[in-house]
């Protein structure tokens, strides 16, 4: 196996991993909270008014 074969294999691996990451990001569904609002993560909780 020469240097160009190794470079080809590395480029193929980078391409496959990039496509996998893009596919996972596209297929990941956004979440809804109890009130039916969309949110990305727990950091959105800081913007809500606190109720007791």
N, C-alpha and C. Protein backbone atom coordinates (compact mmCIF):
# COMPACT_ATOMS: atom_id res chain seq x y z
N UNK A 1 0.86 -1.18 0.00
CA UNK A 1 0.00 0.00 0.00
C UNK A 1 0.90 1.24 0.00
N UNK A 2 0.74 2.06 -1.02
CA UNK A 2 1.60 3.23 -1.11
C UNK A 2 0.90 4.46 -0.53
N UNK A 3 1.58 5.59 -0.65
CA UNK A 3 1.11 6.82 -0.01
C UNK A 3 -0.21 7.32 -0.60
N UNK A 4 -0.40 7.19 -1.90
CA UNK A 4 -1.64 7.67 -2.51
C UNK A 4 -2.83 6.80 -2.09
N UNK A 5 -2.59 5.51 -1.87
CA UNK A 5 -3.67 4.63 -1.37
C UNK A 5 -4.08 5.03 0.04
N UNK A 6 -3.11 5.35 0.88
CA UNK A 6 -3.41 5.77 2.24
C UNK A 6 -4.19 7.09 2.25
N UNK A 7 -3.77 8.03 1.40
CA UNK A 7 -4.47 9.31 1.30
C UNK A 7 -5.91 9.10 0.84
N UNK A 8 -6.12 8.22 -0.12
CA UNK A 8 -7.46 7.92 -0.60
C UNK A 8 -8.32 7.34 0.51
N UNK A 9 -7.77 6.41 1.30
CA UNK A 9 -8.52 5.81 2.40
C UNK A 9 -8.87 6.84 3.47
N UNK A 10 -7.94 7.73 3.79
CA UNK A 10 -8.20 8.76 4.78
C UNK A 10 -9.29 9.72 4.29
N UNK A 11 -9.25 10.10 3.03
CA UNK A 11 -10.28 10.98 2.48
C UNK A 11 -11.65 10.30 2.47
N UNK A 12 -11.68 9.02 2.17
CA UNK A 12 -12.95 8.27 2.21
C UNK A 12 -13.49 8.24 3.64
N UNK A 13 -12.64 7.98 4.62
CA UNK A 13 -13.09 7.95 6.01
C UNK A 13 -13.60 9.31 6.48
N UNK A 14 -12.92 10.38 6.09
CA UNK A 14 -13.38 11.73 6.45
C UNK A 14 -14.73 12.01 5.81
N UNK A 15 -14.91 11.63 4.57
CA UNK A 15 -16.18 11.84 3.88
C UNK A 15 -17.32 11.07 4.51
N UNK A 16 -17.07 9.81 4.87
CA UNK A 16 -18.12 9.00 5.50
C UNK A 16 -18.49 9.55 6.86
N UNK A 17 -17.50 9.95 7.64
CA UNK A 17 -17.82 10.50 8.97
C UNK A 17 -18.55 11.83 8.86
N UNK A 18 -18.20 12.66 7.87
CA UNK A 18 -18.91 13.93 7.67
C UNK A 18 -20.36 13.69 7.28
N UNK A 19 -20.61 12.76 6.38
CA UNK A 19 -21.98 12.45 5.98
C UNK A 19 -22.78 11.89 7.14
N UNK A 20 -22.14 11.09 7.99
CA UNK A 20 -22.83 10.53 9.15
C UNK A 20 -23.24 11.64 10.11
N UNK A 21 -22.33 12.57 10.38
CA UNK A 21 -22.65 13.66 11.29
C UNK A 21 -23.76 14.55 10.74
N UNK A 22 -23.72 14.84 9.45
CA UNK A 22 -24.78 15.66 8.85
C UNK A 22 -26.12 14.95 8.92
N UNK A 23 -26.13 13.65 8.65
CA UNK A 23 -27.37 12.87 8.70
C UNK A 23 -27.94 12.85 10.11
N UNK A 24 -27.10 12.67 11.11
CA UNK A 24 -27.57 12.65 12.50
C UNK A 24 -28.17 14.00 12.88
N UNK A 25 -27.52 15.09 12.47
CA UNK A 25 -28.04 16.42 12.79
C UNK A 25 -29.38 16.68 12.11
N UNK A 26 -29.55 16.20 10.88
CA UNK A 26 -30.80 16.43 10.16
C UNK A 26 -31.94 15.57 10.70
N UNK A 27 -31.62 14.38 11.17
CA UNK A 27 -32.66 13.47 11.65
C UNK A 27 -33.04 13.71 13.10
N UNK A 28 -32.22 14.47 13.83
CA UNK A 28 -32.52 14.73 15.22
C UNK A 28 -33.71 15.69 15.30
N UNK A 29 -34.77 15.26 15.94
CA UNK A 29 -35.98 16.07 16.00
C UNK A 29 -35.89 17.11 17.10
N UNK A 30 -36.43 18.30 16.85
CA UNK A 30 -36.51 19.28 17.92
C UNK A 30 -37.51 18.83 18.98
N UNK A 31 -37.30 19.27 20.19
CA UNK A 31 -38.13 18.83 21.32
C UNK A 31 -39.17 19.89 21.65
N UNK A 32 -40.25 19.44 22.28
CA UNK A 32 -41.28 20.36 22.78
C UNK A 32 -41.32 20.23 24.30
N UNK A 33 -41.56 21.35 24.95
CA UNK A 33 -41.70 21.29 26.40
C UNK A 33 -43.16 21.05 26.75
N UNK A 34 -43.50 21.14 28.03
CA UNK A 34 -44.85 20.84 28.49
C UNK A 34 -45.89 21.81 27.93
N UNK A 35 -45.47 23.03 27.62
CA UNK A 35 -46.41 24.02 27.09
C UNK A 35 -46.50 23.98 25.58
N UNK A 36 -45.83 23.06 24.94
CA UNK A 36 -45.90 22.92 23.50
C UNK A 36 -44.96 23.83 22.74
N UNK A 37 -44.03 24.48 23.42
CA UNK A 37 -43.07 25.37 22.76
C UNK A 37 -41.84 24.57 22.38
N UNK A 38 -41.23 24.99 21.26
CA UNK A 38 -40.01 24.34 20.80
C UNK A 38 -38.83 24.86 21.61
N UNK A 39 -37.91 23.97 21.89
CA UNK A 39 -36.68 24.41 22.53
C UNK A 39 -35.55 23.49 22.13
N UNK A 40 -34.34 24.01 22.22
CA UNK A 40 -33.16 23.27 21.80
C UNK A 40 -32.48 22.57 22.97
N UNK A 41 -32.62 23.12 24.14
CA UNK A 41 -31.93 22.51 25.26
C UNK A 41 -32.30 23.20 26.55
N UNK A 42 -31.67 22.79 27.64
CA UNK A 42 -32.01 23.34 28.94
C UNK A 42 -31.64 24.81 29.10
N UNK A 43 -30.79 25.35 28.22
CA UNK A 43 -30.40 26.75 28.36
C UNK A 43 -31.58 27.69 28.05
N UNK A 44 -32.61 27.20 27.36
CA UNK A 44 -33.78 28.04 27.10
C UNK A 44 -34.62 28.27 28.36
N UNK A 45 -34.44 27.47 29.38
CA UNK A 45 -35.20 27.62 30.61
C UNK A 45 -34.86 28.93 31.31
N UNK A 46 -33.69 29.49 31.08
CA UNK A 46 -33.29 30.72 31.74
C UNK A 46 -34.12 31.93 31.28
N UNK A 47 -34.70 31.85 30.07
CA UNK A 47 -35.46 32.97 29.52
C UNK A 47 -36.90 33.00 30.03
N UNK A 48 -37.37 31.93 30.63
CA UNK A 48 -38.76 31.86 31.06
C UNK A 48 -38.95 32.52 32.41
N UNK A 49 -40.07 33.17 32.60
CA UNK A 49 -40.36 33.71 33.94
C UNK A 49 -40.63 32.58 34.93
N UNK A 50 -40.15 32.74 36.13
CA UNK A 50 -40.34 31.71 37.16
C UNK A 50 -41.72 31.84 37.78
N UNK A 51 -42.42 30.74 37.89
CA UNK A 51 -43.74 30.73 38.53
C UNK A 51 -43.67 29.84 39.76
N UNK A 52 -44.40 30.23 40.78
CA UNK A 52 -44.41 29.43 42.00
C UNK A 52 -45.81 29.02 42.36
